[in-house]
Amino acid sequence: MAPGQSGNGRPGLPGTGPGGTAGIFLIGRVTAVSRTSVTIGGPGRSITAAVTASTRVTGTVSSISGIKVGDRVSAQISQTGSTYTATAIQYPTRSPVGVTVP
């Protein structure tokens, strides 16, 4: 396996070897959503993350059921090994302070 790749064919993040963790801040369109997972991205590049009871959903919605396919969201996602978990989802999109998004 090449550096920066996870065992599931998706690119891994630097420092996310066995037992390592990383954080991702992502802005994109929701391509799939259920009460237990959300997929954000587009053709060729997307991340599917688990949604748990600890996932914070904020903005104009207060739960994952308020997020729909096609919505543009921002999300904080943690990666442990090859597992992605949404820690926070914001709808509508909001960038971190000091970050501009085209």
PDB file of N, CA and C in Angstrom:
ATOM      1  N   MET A   1       0.855  -1.169   0.000  1.00  0.00           N
ATOM      2  CA  MET A   1       0.000   0.000   0.000  1.00  0.00           C
ATOM      3  C   MET A   1       0.902   1.233   0.000  1.00  0.00           C
ATOM      4  N   ALA A   2       0.604   2.192  -0.851  1.00  0.00           N
ATOM      5  CA  ALA A   2       1.390   3.412  -0.963  1.00  0.00           C
ATOM      6  C   ALA A   2       1.093   4.344   0.205  1.00  0.00           C
ATOM      7  N   PRO A   3       2.070   5.203   0.580  1.00  0.00           N
ATOM      8  CA  PRO A   3       1.789   6.178   1.634  1.00  0.00           C
ATOM      9  C   PRO A   3       0.592   7.043   1.255  1.00  0.00           C
ATOM     10  N   GLY A   4      -0.210   7.368   2.231  1.00  0.00           N
ATOM     11  CA  GLY A   4      -1.360   8.216   1.987  1.00  0.00           C
ATOM     12  C   GLY A   4      -2.577   7.477   1.456  1.00  0.00           C
ATOM     13  N   GLN A   5      -2.525   6.134   1.418  1.00  0.00           N
ATOM     14  CA  GLN A   5      -3.692   5.370   0.996  1.00  0.00           C
ATOM     15  C   GLN A   5      -4.196   4.540   2.150  1.00  0.00           C
ATOM     16  N   SER A   6      -5.513   4.414   2.212  1.00  0.00           N
ATOM     17  CA  SER A   6      -6.099   3.555   3.236  1.00  0.00           C
ATOM     18  C   SER A   6      -6.359   2.198   2.614  1.00  0.00           C
ATOM     19  N   GLY A   7      -6.637   1.213   3.407  1.00  0.00           N
ATOM     20  CA  GLY A   7      -6.870  -0.133   2.921  1.00  0.00           C
ATOM     21  C   GLY A   7      -8.157  -0.296   2.156  1.00  0.00           C
ATOM     22  N   ASN A   8      -9.029   0.705   2.151  1.00  0.00           N
ATOM     23  CA  ASN A   8     -10.303   0.580   1.454  1.00  0.00           C
ATOM     24  C   ASN A   8     -10.294   1.272   0.100  1.00  0.00           C
ATOM     25  N   GLY A   9      -9.109   1.635  -0.405  1.00  0.00           N
ATOM     26  CA  GLY A   9      -9.008   2.271  -1.702  1.00  0.00           C
ATOM     27  C   GLY A   9      -9.190   3.779  -1.673  1.00  0.00           C
ATOM     28  N   ARG A  10      -9.596   4.317  -0.537  1.00  0.00           N
ATOM     29  CA  ARG A  10      -9.734   5.768  -0.405  1.00  0.00           C
ATOM     30  C   ARG A  10      -8.418   6.320   0.097  1.00  0.00           C
ATOM     31  N   PRO A  11      -8.061   7.542  -0.332  1.00  0.00           N
ATOM     32  CA  PRO A  11      -6.821   8.110   0.166  1.00  0.00           C
ATOM     33  C   PRO A  11      -6.895   8.331   1.667  1.00  0.00           C
ATOM     34  N   GLY A  12      -5.834   7.991   2.354  1.00  0.00           N
ATOM     35  CA  GLY A  12      -5.750   8.245   3.785  1.00  0.00           C
ATOM     36  C   GLY A  12      -5.117   9.599   4.018  1.00  0.00           C
ATOM     37  N   LEU A  13      -5.135  10.047   5.229  1.00  0.00           N
ATOM     38  CA  LEU A  13      -4.516  11.310   5.584  1.00  0.00           C
ATOM     39  C   LEU A  13      -3.148  11.053   6.173  1.00  0.00           C
ATOM     40  N   PRO A  14      -2.224  11.993   5.999  1.00  0.00           N
ATOM     41  CA  PRO A  14      -0.911  11.822   6.622  1.00  0.00           C
ATOM     42  C   PRO A  14      -1.060  11.589   8.113  1.00  0.00           C
ATOM     43  N   GLY A  15      -0.290  10.667   8.651  1.00  0.00           N
ATOM     44  CA  GLY A  15      -0.323  10.399  10.078  1.00  0.00           C
ATOM     45  C   GLY A  15      -1.471   9.521  10.521  1.00  0.00           C
ATOM     46  N   THR A  16      -2.177   8.884   9.588  1.00  0.00           N
ATOM     47  CA  THR A  16      -3.310   8.062   9.976  1.00  0.00           C
ATOM     48  C   THR A  16      -3.019   6.588   9.775  1.00  0.00           C
ATOM     49  N   GLY A  17      -1.838   6.180  10.163  1.00  0.00           N
ATOM     50  CA  GLY A  17      -1.504   4.764  10.112  1.00  0.00           C
ATOM     51  C   GLY A  17      -2.319   4.023  11.149  1.00  0.00           C
ATOM     52  N   PRO A  18      -2.024   2.752  11.352  1.00  0.00           N
ATOM     53  CA  PRO A  18      -2.773   1.974  12.335  1.00  0.00           C
ATOM     54  C   PRO A  18      -2.811   2.675  13.692  1.00  0.00           C
ATOM     55  N   GLY A  19      -4.004   2.918  14.189  1.00  0.00           N
ATOM     56  CA  GLY A  19      -4.178   3.556  15.490  1.00  0.00           C
ATOM     57  C   GLY A  19      -4.094   5.062  15.463  1.00  0.00           C
ATOM     58  N   GLY A  20      -3.710   5.661  14.320  1.00  0.00           N
ATOM     59  CA  GLY A  20      -3.606   7.111  14.218  1.00  0.00           C
ATOM     60  C   GLY A  20      -4.956   7.746  13.985  1.00  0.00           C
ATOM     61  N   THR A  21      -5.054   9.028  14.301  1.00  0.00           N
ATOM     62  CA  THR A  21      -6.291   9.763  14.044  1.00  0.00           C
ATOM     63  C   THR A  21      -5.964  11.056  13.318  1.00  0.00           C
ATOM     64  N   ALA A  22      -6.930  11.564  12.586  1.00  0.00           N
ATOM     65  CA  ALA A  22      -6.768  12.832  11.875  1.00  0.00           C
ATOM     66  C   ALA A  22      -8.109  13.531  11.840  1.00  0.00           C
ATOM     67  N   GLY A  23      -8.075  14.818  11.581  1.00  0.00           N
ATOM     68  CA  GLY A  23      -9.299  15.588  11.444  1.00  0.00           C
ATOM     69  C   GLY A  23      -9.387  16.193  10.058  1.00  0.00           C
ATOM     70  N   ILE A  24     -10.587  16.267   9.525  1.00  0.00           N
ATOM     71  CA  ILE A  24     -10.834  16.816   8.199  1.00  0.00           C
ATOM     72  C   ILE A  24     -11.901  17.888   8.341  1.00  0.00           C
ATOM     73  N   PHE A  25     -11.701  19.039   7.686  1.00  0.00           N
ATOM     74  CA  PHE A  25     -12.772  20.021   7.546  1.00  0.00           C
ATOM     75  C   PHE A  25     -13.145  20.000   6.079  1.00  0.00           C
ATOM     76  N   LEU A  26     -14.414  19.775   5.780  1.00  0.00           N
ATOM     77  CA  LEU A  26     -14.865  19.551   4.418  1.00  0.00           C
ATOM     78  C   LEU A  26     -16.083  20.405   4.118  1.00  0.00           C
ATOM     79  N   ILE A  27     -16.095  21.017   2.939  1.00  0.00           N
ATOM     80  CA  ILE A  27     -17.273  21.730   2.454  1.00  0.00           C
ATOM     81  C   ILE A  27     -17.654  21.093   1.131  1.00  0.00           C
ATOM     82  N   GLY A  28     -18.912  20.708   0.997  1.00  0.00           N
ATOM     83  CA  GLY A  28     -19.336  20.095  -0.250  1.00  0.00           C
ATOM     84  C   GLY A  28     -20.813  19.783  -0.267  1.00  0.00           C
ATOM     85  N   ARG A  29     -21.239  19.184  -1.346  1.00  0.00           N
ATOM     86  CA  ARG A  29     -22.640  18.782  -1.521  1.00  0.00           C
ATOM     87  C   ARG A  29     -22.864  17.403  -0.928  1.00  0.00           C
ATOM     88  N   VAL A  30     -24.024  17.239  -0.323  1.00  0.00           N
ATOM     89  CA  VAL A  30     -24.431  15.937   0.207  1.00  0.00           C
ATOM     90  C   VAL A  30     -24.898  15.100  -0.978  1.00  0.00           C
ATOM     91  N   THR A  31     -24.262  13.933  -1.163  1.00  0.00           N
ATOM     92  CA  THR A  31     -24.653  13.051  -2.262  1.00  0.00           C
ATOM     93  C   THR A  31     -25.472  11.858  -1.768  1.00  0.00           C
ATOM     94  N   ALA A  32     -25.420  11.596  -0.469  1.00  0.00           N
ATOM     95  CA  ALA A  32     -26.245  10.551   0.150  1.00  0.00           C
ATOM     96  C   ALA A  32     -26.331  10.850   1.635  1.00  0.00           C
ATOM     97  N   VAL A  33     -27.480  10.529   2.236  1.00  0.00           N
ATOM     98  CA  VAL A  33     -27.649  10.778   3.665  1.00  0.00           C
ATOM     99  C   VAL A  33     -28.664   9.781   4.224  1.00  0.00           C
ATOM    100  N   SER A  34     -28.377   9.303   5.429  1.00  0.00           N
ATOM    101  CA  SER A  34     -29.311   8.449   6.166  1.00  0.00           C
ATOM    102  C   SER A  34     -29.173   8.828   7.624  1.00  0.00           C
ATOM    103  N   ARG A  35     -29.898   8.155   8.488  1.00  0.00           N
ATOM    104  CA  ARG A  35     -29.790   8.500   9.912  1.00  0.00           C
ATOM    105  C   ARG A  35     -28.458   8.035  10.500  1.00  0.00           C
ATOM    106  N   THR A  36     -27.707   7.179   9.774  1.00  0.00           N
ATOM    107  CA  THR A  36     -26.445   6.653  10.303  1.00  0.00           C
ATOM    108  C   THR A  36     -25.206   7.061   9.522  1.00  0.00           C
ATOM    109  N   SER A  37     -25.375   7.735   8.358  1.00  0.00           N
ATOM    110  CA  SER A  37     -24.202   8.148   7.595  1.00  0.00           C
ATOM    111  C   SER A  37     -24.530   9.305   6.661  1.00  0.00           C
ATOM    112  N   VAL A  38     -23.470   9.997   6.236  1.00  0.00           N
ATOM    113  CA  VAL A  38     -23.599  11.082   5.275  1.00  0.00           C
ATOM    114  C   VAL A  38     -22.412  10.977   4.316  1.00  0.00           C
ATOM    115  N   THR A  39     -22.687  11.191   3.022  1.00  0.00           N
ATOM    116  CA  THR A  39     -21.636  11.228   2.018  1.00  0.00           C
ATOM    117  C   THR A  39     -21.588  12.643   1.469  1.00  0.00           C
ATOM    118  N   ILE A  40     -20.389  13.242   1.510  1.00  0.00           N
ATOM    119  CA  ILE A  40     -20.186  14.620   1.078  1.00  0.00           C
ATOM    120  C   ILE A  40     -19.102  14.630   0.013  1.00  0.00           C
ATOM    121  N   GLY A  41     -19.338  15.329  -1.074  1.00  0.00           N
ATOM    122  CA  GLY A  41     -18.344  15.436  -2.127  1.00  0.00           C
ATOM    123  C   GLY A  41     -18.998  15.423  -3.478  1.00  0.00           C
ATOM    124  N   GLY A  42     -18.394  14.686  -4.385  1.00  0.00           N
ATOM    125  CA  GLY A  42     -18.912  14.612  -5.736  1.00  0.00           C
ATOM    126  C   GLY A  42     -18.278  13.463  -6.478  1.00  0.00           C
ATOM    127  N   PRO A  43     -18.475  13.405  -7.782  1.00  0.00           N
ATOM    128  CA  PRO A  43     -17.917  12.309  -8.579  1.00  0.00           C
ATOM    129  C   PRO A  43     -16.402  12.205  -8.399  1.00  0.00           C
ATOM    130  N   GLY A  44     -15.939  11.028  -8.062  1.00  0.00           N
ATOM    131  CA  GLY A  44     -14.513  10.793  -7.911  1.00  0.00           C
ATOM    132  C   GLY A  44     -13.912  11.166  -6.572  1.00  0.00           C
ATOM    133  N   ARG A  45     -14.506  12.084  -5.858  1.00  0.00           N
ATOM    134  CA  ARG A  45     -13.971  12.521  -4.568  1.00  0.00           C
ATOM    135  C   ARG A  45     -15.105  12.719  -3.587  1.00  0.00           C
ATOM    136  N   SER A  46     -15.261  11.814  -2.677  1.00  0.00           N
ATOM    137  CA  SER A  46     -16.287  11.967  -1.648  1.00  0.00           C
ATOM    138  C   SER A  46     -15.860  11.200  -0.415  1.00  0.00           C
ATOM    139  N   ILE A  47     -16.442  11.561   0.692  1.00  0.00           N
ATOM    140  CA  ILE A  47     -16.191  10.874   1.960  1.00  0.00           C
ATOM    141  C   ILE A  47     -17.531  10.482   2.551  1.00  0.00           C
ATOM    142  N   THR A  48     -17.648   9.235   2.935  1.00  0.00           N
ATOM    143  CA  THR A  48     -18.815   8.755   3.666  1.00  0.00           C
ATOM    144  C   THR A  48     -18.406   8.629   5.121  1.00  0.00           C
ATOM    145  N   ALA A  49     -19.129   9.313   5.988  1.00  0.00           N
ATOM    146  CA  ALA A  49     -18.817   9.320   7.408  1.00  0.00           C
ATOM    147  C   ALA A  49     -20.014   8.839   8.207  1.00  0.00           C
ATOM    148  N   ALA A  50     -19.721   8.132   9.275  1.00  0.00           N
ATOM    149  CA  ALA A  50     -20.778   7.693  10.188  1.00  0.00           C
ATOM    150  C   ALA A  50     -21.354   8.900  10.911  1.00  0.00           C
ATOM    151  N   VAL A  51     -22.644   8.848  11.152  1.00  0.00           N
ATOM    152  CA  VAL A  51     -23.338   9.848  11.977  1.00  0.00           C
ATOM    153  C   VAL A  51     -23.743   9.124  13.251  1.00  0.00           C
ATOM    154  N   THR A  52     -23.329   9.660  14.390  1.00  0.00           N
ATOM    155  CA  THR A  52     -23.599   9.022  15.676  1.00  0.00           C
ATOM    156  C   THR A  52     -24.419   9.949  16.563  1.00  0.00           C
ATOM    157  N   ALA A  53     -24.760   9.479  17.717  1.00  0.00           N
ATOM    158  CA  ALA A  53     -25.487  10.304  18.684  1.00  0.00           C
ATOM    159  C   ALA A  53     -24.647  11.508  19.112  1.00  0.00           C
ATOM    160  N   SER A  54     -23.324  11.437  18.948  1.00  0.00           N
ATOM    161  CA  SER A  54     -22.434  12.537  19.317  1.00  0.00           C
ATOM    162  C   SER A  54     -22.246  13.564  18.209  1.00  0.00           C
ATOM    163  N   THR A  55     -22.722  13.280  17.005  1.00  0.00           N
ATOM    164  CA  THR A  55     -22.566  14.218  15.893  1.00  0.00           C
ATOM    165  C   THR A  55     -23.421  15.456  16.152  1.00  0.00           C
ATOM    166  N   ARG A  56     -22.781  16.642  16.144  1.00  0.00           N
ATOM    167  CA  ARG A  56     -23.511  17.903  16.322  1.00  0.00           C
ATOM    168  C   ARG A  56     -23.987  18.378  14.958  1.00  0.00           C
ATOM    169  N   VAL A  57     -25.258  18.657  14.834  1.00  0.00           N
ATOM    170  CA  VAL A  57     -25.836  19.199  13.600  1.00  0.00           C
ATOM    171  C   VAL A  57     -26.360  20.588  13.948  1.00  0.00           C
ATOM    172  N   THR A  58     -25.836  21.615  13.260  1.00  0.00           N
ATOM    173  CA  THR A  58     -26.179  22.988  13.598  1.00  0.00           C
ATOM    174  C   THR A  58     -26.548  23.784  12.351  1.00  0.00           C
ATOM    175  N   GLY A  59     -27.023  24.979  12.584  1.00  0.00           N
ATOM    176  CA  GLY A  59     -27.447  25.871  11.505  1.00  0.00           C
ATOM    177  C   GLY A  59     -28.957  25.962  11.507  1.00  0.00           C
ATOM    178  N   THR A  60     -29.559  25.854  10.339  1.00  0.00           N
ATOM    179  CA  THR A  60     -31.012  25.949  10.245  1.00  0.00           C
ATOM    180  C   THR A  60     -31.686  24.608  10.507  1.00  0.00           C
ATOM    181  N   VAL A  61     -30.890  23.568  10.750  1.00  0.00           N
ATOM    182  CA  VAL A  61     -31.423  22.247  11.090  1.00  0.00           C
ATOM    183  C   VAL A  61     -30.806  21.802  12.409  1.00  0.00           C
ATOM    184  N   SER A  62     -31.466  20.878  13.073  1.00  0.00           N
ATOM    185  CA  SER A  62     -30.942  20.433  14.367  1.00  0.00           C
ATOM    186  C   SER A  62     -30.688  18.928  14.428  1.00  0.00           C
ATOM    187  N   SER A  63     -30.964  18.229  13.321  1.00  0.00           N
ATOM    188  CA  SER A  63     -30.686  16.794  13.289  1.00  0.00           C
ATOM    189  C   SER A  63     -30.360  16.380  11.861  1.00  0.00           C
ATOM    190  N   ILE A  64     -29.790  15.213  11.714  1.00  0.00           N
ATOM    191  CA  ILE A  64     -29.405  14.722  10.394  1.00  0.00           C
ATOM    192  C   ILE A  64     -30.622  14.589   9.479  1.00  0.00           C
ATOM    193  N   SER A  65     -31.811  14.406  10.042  1.00  0.00           N
ATOM    194  CA  SER A  65     -33.011  14.275   9.213  1.00  0.00           C
ATOM    195  C   SER A  65     -33.334  15.573   8.467  1.00  0.00           C
ATOM    196  N   GLY A  66     -32.760  16.692   8.895  1.00  0.00           N
ATOM    197  CA  GLY A  66     -32.970  17.961   8.214  1.00  0.00           C
ATOM    198  C   GLY A  66     -32.030  18.183   7.037  1.00  0.00           C
ATOM    199  N   ILE A  67     -31.046  17.310   6.872  1.00  0.00           N
ATOM    200  CA  ILE A  67     -30.080  17.405   5.774  1.00  0.00           C
ATOM    201  C   ILE A  67     -30.592  16.580   4.601  1.00  0.00           C
ATOM    202  N   LYS A  68     -30.564  17.146   3.409  1.00  0.00           N
ATOM    203  CA  LYS A  68     -31.073  16.476   2.211  1.00  0.00           C
ATOM    204  C   LYS A  68     -29.981  16.359   1.153  1.00  0.00           C
ATOM    205  N   VAL A  69     -30.113  15.373   0.264  1.00  0.00           N
ATOM    206  CA  VAL A  69     -29.205  15.239  -0.871  1.00  0.00           C
ATOM    207  C   VAL A  69     -29.250  16.547  -1.660  1.00  0.00           C
ATOM    208  N   GLY A  70     -28.085  17.047  -2.028  1.00  0.00           N
ATOM    209  CA  GLY A  70     -27.981  18.305  -2.763  1.00  0.00           C
ATOM    210  C   GLY A  70     -27.655  19.490  -1.886  1.00  0.00           C
ATOM    211  N   ASP A  71     -27.874  19.387  -0.560  1.00  0.00           N
ATOM    212  CA  ASP A  71     -27.531  20.485   0.346  1.00  0.00           C
ATOM    213  C   ASP A  71     -26.016  20.673   0.364  1.00  0.00           C
ATOM    214  N   ARG A  72     -25.583  21.918   0.425  1.00  0.00           N
ATOM    215  CA  ARG A  72     -24.161  22.233   0.573  1.00  0.00           C
ATOM    216  C   ARG A  72     -23.911  22.416   2.068  1.00  0.00           C
ATOM    217  N   VAL A  73     -23.037  21.595   2.622  1.00  0.00           N
ATOM    218  CA  VAL A  73     -22.774  21.607   4.054  1.00  0.00           C
ATOM    219  C   VAL A  73     -21.282  21.756   4.324  1.00  0.00           C
ATOM    220  N   SER A  74     -20.964  22.118   5.540  1.00  0.00           N
ATOM    221  CA  SER A  74     -19.591  22.020   6.027  1.00  0.00           C
ATOM    222  C   SER A  74     -19.605  20.954   7.110  1.00  0.00           C
ATOM    223  N   ALA A  75     -18.506  20.224   7.213  1.00  0.00           N
ATOM    224  CA  ALA A  75     -18.464  19.140   8.189  1.00  0.00           C
ATOM    225  C   ALA A  75     -17.069  18.991   8.771  1.00  0.00           C
ATOM    226  N   GLN A  76     -17.029  18.659  10.030  1.00  0.00           N
ATOM    227  CA  GLN A  76     -15.797  18.234  10.679  1.00  0.00           C
ATOM    228  C   GLN A  76     -15.888  16.731  10.790  1.00  0.00           C
ATOM    229  N   ILE A  77     -14.866  16.055  10.290  1.00  0.00           N
ATOM    230  CA  ILE A  77     -14.865  14.597  10.242  1.00  0.00           C
ATOM    231  C   ILE A  77     -13.575  14.097  10.857  1.00  0.00           C
ATOM    232  N   SER A  78     -13.691  13.097  11.710  1.00  0.00           N
ATOM    233  CA  SER A  78     -12.492  12.478  12.267  1.00  0.00           C
ATOM    234  C   SER A  78     -12.254  11.157  11.546  1.00  0.00           C
ATOM    235  N   GLN A  79     -10.982  10.839  11.361  1.00  0.00           N
ATOM    236  CA  GLN A  79     -10.606   9.581  10.734  1.00  0.00           C
ATOM    237  C   GLN A  79      -9.718   8.817  11.693  1.00  0.00           C
ATOM    238  N   THR A  80     -10.113   7.596  11.984  1.00  0.00           N
ATOM    239  CA  THR A  80      -9.299   6.687  12.776  1.00  0.00           C
ATOM    240  C   THR A  80      -9.113   5.447  11.924  1.00  0.00           C
ATOM    241  N   GLY A  81      -7.886   5.222  11.470  1.00  0.00           N
ATOM    242  CA  GLY A  81      -7.652   4.124  10.537  1.00  0.00           C
ATOM    243  C   GLY A  81      -8.455   4.382   9.277  1.00  0.00           C
ATOM    244  N   SER A  82      -9.303   3.451   8.894  1.00  0.00           N
ATOM    245  CA  SER A  82     -10.124   3.626   7.689  1.00  0.00           C
ATOM    246  C   SER A  82     -11.562   3.997   8.018  1.00  0.00           C
ATOM    247  N   THR A  83     -11.819   4.407   9.274  1.00  0.00           N
ATOM    248  CA  THR A  83     -13.168   4.775   9.697  1.00  0.00           C
ATOM    249  C   THR A  83     -13.308   6.286   9.793  1.00  0.00           C
ATOM    250  N   TYR A  84     -14.342   6.821   9.127  1.00  0.00           N
ATOM    251  CA  TYR A  84     -14.648   8.241   9.157  1.00  0.00           C
ATOM    252  C   TYR A  84     -15.907   8.453   9.989  1.00  0.00           C
ATOM    253  N   THR A  85     -15.880   9.463  10.885  1.00  0.00           N
ATOM    254  CA  THR A  85     -17.031   9.789  11.715  1.00  0.00           C
ATOM    255  C   THR A  85     -17.252  11.291  11.685  1.00  0.00           C
ATOM    256  N   ALA A  86     -18.487  11.707  11.384  1.00  0.00           N
ATOM    257  CA  ALA A  86     -18.826  13.131  11.394  1.00  0.00           C
ATOM    258  C   ALA A  86     -18.953  13.579  12.839  1.00  0.00           C
ATOM    259  N   THR A  87     -18.140  14.559  13.234  1.00  0.00           N
ATOM    260  CA  THR A  87     -18.250  15.092  14.589  1.00  0.00           C
ATOM    261  C   THR A  87     -19.167  16.310  14.611  1.00  0.00           C
ATOM    262  N   ALA A  88     -19.234  17.050  13.473  1.00  0.00           N
ATOM    263  CA  ALA A  88     -20.116  18.209  13.374  1.00  0.00           C
ATOM    264  C   ALA A  88     -20.490  18.443  11.914  1.00  0.00           C
ATOM    265  N   ILE A  89     -21.749  18.813  11.695  1.00  0.00           N
ATOM    266  CA  ILE A  89     -22.247  19.150  10.366  1.00  0.00           C
ATOM    267  C   ILE A  89     -22.997  20.467  10.489  1.00  0.00           C
ATOM    268  N   GLN A  90     -22.691  21.415   9.592  1.00  0.00           N
ATOM    269  CA  GLN A  90     -23.314  22.739   9.598  1.00  0.00           C
ATOM    270  C   GLN A  90     -24.075  22.936   8.294  1.00  0.00           C
ATOM    271  N   TYR A  91     -25.360  23.300   8.397  1.00  0.00           N
ATOM    272  CA  TYR A  91     -26.147  23.663   7.228  1.00  0.00           C
ATOM    273  C   TYR A  91     -26.939  24.910   7.556  1.00  0.00           C
ATOM    274  N   PRO A  92     -26.848  25.978   6.795  1.00  0.00           N
ATOM    275  CA  PRO A  92     -26.030  26.090   5.598  1.00  0.00           C
ATOM    276  C   PRO A  92     -24.546  26.158   5.942  1.00  0.00           C
ATOM    277  N   THR A  93     -23.728  26.060   4.904  1.00  0.00           N
ATOM    278  CA  THR A  93     -22.272  26.028   5.038  1.00  0.00           C
ATOM    279  C   THR A  93     -21.746  27.221   5.812  1.00  0.00           C
ATOM    280  N   ARG A  94     -20.784  26.956   6.662  1.00  0.00           N
ATOM    281  CA  ARG A  94     -20.075  28.028   7.356  1.00  0.00           C
ATOM    282  C   ARG A  94     -18.619  27.642   7.463  1.00  0.00           C
ATOM    283  N   SER A  95     -17.736  28.497   6.973  1.00  0.00           N
ATOM    284  CA  SER A  95     -16.308  28.245   7.009  1.00  0.00           C
ATOM    285  C   SER A  95     -15.735  28.616   8.372  1.00  0.00           C
ATOM    286  N   PRO A  96     -14.619  27.979   8.751  1.00  0.00           N
ATOM    287  CA  PRO A  96     -13.964  28.379   9.998  1.00  0.00           C
ATOM    288  C   PRO A  96     -13.479  29.832   9.900  1.00  0.00           C
ATOM    289  N   VAL A  97     -13.333  30.489  11.019  1.00  0.00           N
ATOM    290  CA  VAL A  97     -12.877  31.869  11.062  1.00  0.00           C
ATOM    291  C   VAL A  97     -11.533  31.972  10.349  1.00  0.00           C
ATOM    292  N   GLY A  98     -11.417  32.968   9.461  1.00  0.00           N
ATOM    293  CA  GLY A  98     -10.168  33.191   8.764  1.00  0.00           C
ATOM    294  C   GLY A  98     -10.002  32.387   7.482  1.00  0.00           C
ATOM    295  N   VAL A  99     -10.954  31.527   7.152  1.00  0.00           N
ATOM    296  CA  VAL A  99     -10.874  30.716   5.940  1.00  0.00           C
ATOM    297  C   VAL A  99     -11.902  31.225   4.954  1.00  0.00           C
ATOM    298  N   THR A 100     -11.466  31.513   3.729  1.00  0.00           N
ATOM    299  CA  THR A 100     -12.411  31.921   2.699  1.00  0.00           C
ATOM    300  C   THR A 100     -12.582  30.777   1.711  1.00  0.00           C
ATOM    301  N   VAL A 101     -13.780  30.629   1.233  1.00  0.00           N
ATOM    302  CA  VAL A 101     -14.109  29.549   0.311  1.00  0.00           C
ATOM    303  C   VAL A 101     -14.615  30.177  -0.972  1.00  0.00           C
ATOM    304  N   PRO A 102     -14.073  29.749  -2.129  1.00  0.00           N
ATOM    305  CA  PRO A 102     -14.529  30.336  -3.395  1.00  0.00           C
ATOM    306  C   PRO A 102     -15.982  30.031  -3.681  1.00  0.00           C
TER     307      PRO A 102
END
